[in-house]
């Protein structure tokens, strides 16, 4: 599972459509539109900006390192917090992705 949140700071009330990819292979899409109270309290729109996506299979270490989340509209790739990188490499089932520079996103809680 990959989870995190993304907010388009130019349009914080609108959800962000994200793609999950392994290299050039698109594995799925997810709409960052689920509610998180901490996002609301941080003033990020109305708090409807989180997402989680189940990809339906296990990934090798090499694949986990190459998984990316990117904004569907323009392909801008999300970064991954250092904590999430460590968990992904260690084989955790969850990786929390932060958003691209022009989107807002916290370090994983």
C-alpha atoms as a PDB file:
ATOM      1  CA  UNK A   1       0.000   0.000   0.000  1.00  0.00           C
ATOM      2  CA  UNK A   2       1.147   3.534  -0.711  1.00  0.00           C
ATOM      3  CA  UNK A   3      -0.390   6.375   1.249  1.00  0.00           C
ATOM      4  CA  UNK A   4       0.177  10.059   1.719  1.00  0.00           C
ATOM      5  CA  UNK A   5      -1.385  13.349   0.735  1.00  0.00           C
ATOM      6  CA  UNK A   6      -1.125  16.016  -1.928  1.00  0.00           C
ATOM      7  CA  UNK A   7      -2.494  19.535  -2.199  1.00  0.00           C
ATOM      8  CA  UNK A   8      -2.270  21.842  -5.202  1.00  0.00           C
ATOM      9  CA  UNK A   9      -1.484  25.123  -3.440  1.00  0.00           C
ATOM     10  CA  UNK A  10      -2.918  27.100  -6.373  1.00  0.00           C
ATOM     11  CA  UNK A  11      -6.261  25.252  -5.959  1.00  0.00           C
ATOM     12  CA  UNK A  12      -6.306  23.840  -2.404  1.00  0.00           C
ATOM     13  CA  UNK A  13     -10.023  23.008  -2.504  1.00  0.00           C
ATOM     14  CA  UNK A  14      -9.646  20.677  -5.502  1.00  0.00           C
ATOM     15  CA  UNK A  15      -8.464  17.049  -5.206  1.00  0.00           C
ATOM     16  CA  UNK A  16      -5.247  16.004  -6.950  1.00  0.00           C
ATOM     17  CA  UNK A  17      -5.214  13.007  -9.294  1.00  0.00           C
ATOM     18  CA  UNK A  18      -2.032  10.971  -8.816  1.00  0.00           C
ATOM     19  CA  UNK A  19      -0.452   8.117 -10.767  1.00  0.00           C
ATOM     20  CA  UNK A  20       1.606   5.325  -9.237  1.00  0.00           C
ATOM     21  CA  UNK A  21       4.309   3.991 -11.533  1.00  0.00           C
ATOM     22  CA  UNK A  22       7.197   1.578 -11.629  1.00  0.00           C
ATOM     23  CA  UNK A  23       9.606   3.119 -14.106  1.00  0.00           C
ATOM     24  CA  UNK A  24       7.545   3.854 -17.221  1.00  0.00           C
ATOM     25  CA  UNK A  25       4.808   1.359 -16.290  1.00  0.00           C
ATOM     26  CA  UNK A  26       1.737   2.982 -14.765  1.00  0.00           C
ATOM     27  CA  UNK A  27       0.362   0.721 -12.027  1.00  0.00           C
ATOM     28  CA  UNK A  28      -2.673   2.735 -11.030  1.00  0.00           C
ATOM     29  CA  UNK A  29      -4.223   6.068 -10.215  1.00  0.00           C
ATOM     30  CA  UNK A  30      -5.615   7.514  -7.012  1.00  0.00           C
ATOM     31  CA  UNK A  31      -7.454  10.705  -6.155  1.00  0.00           C
ATOM     32  CA  UNK A  32      -6.044  12.545  -3.131  1.00  0.00           C
ATOM     33  CA  UNK A  33      -9.456  13.382  -1.693  1.00  0.00           C
ATOM     34  CA  UNK A  34      -9.790  11.532   1.636  1.00  0.00           C
ATOM     35  CA  UNK A  35     -10.223  13.551   4.821  1.00  0.00           C
ATOM     36  CA  UNK A  36      -7.466  13.963   7.405  1.00  0.00           C
ATOM     37  CA  UNK A  37      -8.067  16.215  10.365  1.00  0.00           C
ATOM     38  CA  UNK A  38      -4.396  17.203  10.666  1.00  0.00           C
ATOM     39  CA  UNK A  39      -4.479  18.553   7.100  1.00  0.00           C
ATOM     40  CA  UNK A  40      -7.596  20.555   7.921  1.00  0.00           C
ATOM     41  CA  UNK A  41      -5.965  21.953  11.063  1.00  0.00           C
ATOM     42  CA  UNK A  42      -2.887  22.892   9.014  1.00  0.00           C
ATOM     43  CA  UNK A  43      -5.108  25.002   6.741  1.00  0.00           C
ATOM     44  CA  UNK A  44      -4.687  22.792   3.683  1.00  0.00           C
ATOM     45  CA  UNK A  45      -8.015  23.263   1.998  1.00  0.00           C
ATOM     46  CA  UNK A  46     -10.794  21.546   3.903  1.00  0.00           C
ATOM     47  CA  UNK A  47      -8.551  18.614   4.810  1.00  0.00           C
ATOM     48  CA  UNK A  48      -9.637  16.385   1.910  1.00  0.00           C
ATOM     49  CA  UNK A  49      -6.214  15.649   0.443  1.00  0.00           C
ATOM     50  CA  UNK A  50      -5.000  12.245   1.621  1.00  0.00           C
ATOM     51  CA  UNK A  51      -4.899   9.011  -0.353  1.00  0.00           C
ATOM     52  CA  UNK A  52      -4.065   5.342  -0.109  1.00  0.00           C
ATOM     53  CA  UNK A  53      -3.728   2.883  -2.940  1.00  0.00           C
ATOM     54  CA  UNK A  54      -3.415  -0.903  -2.823  1.00  0.00           C
ATOM     55  CA  UNK A  55      -1.378  -2.185  -5.742  1.00  0.00           C
ATOM     56  CA  UNK A  56      -2.338  -5.839  -5.328  1.00  0.00           C
ATOM     57  CA  UNK A  57       1.111  -7.412  -5.305  1.00  0.00           C
ATOM     58  CA  UNK A  58       4.412  -7.500  -3.462  1.00  0.00           C
ATOM     59  CA  UNK A  59       7.450  -5.717  -4.857  1.00  0.00           C
ATOM     60  CA  UNK A  60      11.109  -6.655  -4.815  1.00  0.00           C
ATOM     61  CA  UNK A  61      13.582  -4.343  -3.103  1.00  0.00           C
ATOM     62  CA  UNK A  62      14.647  -2.936  -6.470  1.00  0.00           C
ATOM     63  CA  UNK A  63      11.025  -2.309  -7.433  1.00  0.00           C
ATOM     64  CA  UNK A  64      10.236  -0.623  -4.093  1.00  0.00           C
ATOM     65  CA  UNK A  65      13.073   1.800  -4.664  1.00  0.00           C
ATOM     66  CA  UNK A  66      11.790   2.606  -8.182  1.00  0.00           C
ATOM     67  CA  UNK A  67       8.105   3.125  -7.273  1.00  0.00           C
ATOM     68  CA  UNK A  68       7.003   6.714  -7.875  1.00  0.00           C
ATOM     69  CA  UNK A  69       3.899   8.776  -7.261  1.00  0.00           C
ATOM     70  CA  UNK A  70       3.359  11.623  -9.712  1.00  0.00           C
ATOM     71  CA  UNK A  71       0.679  14.161 -10.467  1.00  0.00           C
ATOM     72  CA  UNK A  72      -1.389  12.903 -13.401  1.00  0.00           C
ATOM     73  CA  UNK A  73      -1.911  16.354 -14.916  1.00  0.00           C
ATOM     74  CA  UNK A  74       1.756  17.027 -15.634  1.00  0.00           C
ATOM     75  CA  UNK A  75       3.831  14.075 -14.418  1.00  0.00           C
ATOM     76  CA  UNK A  76       5.568  16.012 -11.627  1.00  0.00           C
ATOM     77  CA  UNK A  77       6.968  13.326  -9.352  1.00  0.00           C
ATOM     78  CA  UNK A  78       6.374  13.234  -5.616  1.00  0.00           C
ATOM     79  CA  UNK A  79       9.292  12.849  -3.287  1.00  0.00           C
ATOM     80  CA  UNK A  80       9.404  10.319  -0.493  1.00  0.00           C
ATOM     81  CA  UNK A  81      10.204  11.292   3.079  1.00  0.00           C
ATOM     82  CA  UNK A  82      13.424   9.771   4.488  1.00  0.00           C
ATOM     83  CA  UNK A  83      11.357   7.759   6.970  1.00  0.00           C
ATOM     84  CA  UNK A  84       9.222   6.324   4.186  1.00  0.00           C
ATOM     85  CA  UNK A  85      12.314   5.480   2.134  1.00  0.00           C
ATOM     86  CA  UNK A  86      13.763   3.521   5.055  1.00  0.00           C
ATOM     87  CA  UNK A  87      10.505   1.607   5.563  1.00  0.00           C
ATOM     88  CA  UNK A  88      10.201   0.826   1.854  1.00  0.00           C
ATOM     89  CA  UNK A  89      13.748  -0.531   1.718  1.00  0.00           C
ATOM     90  CA  UNK A  90      13.174  -2.522   4.917  1.00  0.00           C
ATOM     91  CA  UNK A  91      10.121  -4.117   3.321  1.00  0.00           C
ATOM     92  CA  UNK A  92       7.332  -2.356   5.182  1.00  0.00           C
ATOM     93  CA  UNK A  93       3.944  -2.776   3.561  1.00  0.00           C
ATOM     94  CA  UNK A  94       3.379   0.963   3.684  1.00  0.00           C
ATOM     95  CA  UNK A  95       5.309   3.777   2.066  1.00  0.00           C
ATOM     96  CA  UNK A  96       4.186   7.334   2.693  1.00  0.00           C
ATOM     97  CA  UNK A  97       4.927   9.696  -0.156  1.00  0.00           C
ATOM     98  CA  UNK A  98       5.289  13.393   0.108  1.00  0.00           C
ATOM     99  CA  UNK A  99       4.254  15.648  -2.727  1.00  0.00           C
ATOM    100  CA  UNK A 100       6.188  17.582  -5.373  1.00  0.00           C
ATOM    101  CA  UNK A 101       7.664  20.962  -4.504  1.00  0.00           C
ATOM    102  CA  UNK A 102       4.661  22.894  -5.794  1.00  0.00           C
ATOM    103  CA  UNK A 103       2.303  20.730  -3.789  1.00  0.00           C
ATOM    104  CA  UNK A 104       2.238  20.614   0.003  1.00  0.00           C
ATOM    105  CA  UNK A 105       2.835  17.423   1.976  1.00  0.00           C
ATOM    106  CA  UNK A 106       4.035  16.477   5.471  1.00  0.00           C
ATOM    107  CA  UNK A 107       6.575  13.971   6.645  1.00  0.00           C
ATOM    108  CA  UNK A 108       4.856  10.712   7.508  1.00  0.00           C
ATOM    109  CA  UNK A 109       3.260  10.504  10.928  1.00  0.00           C
END
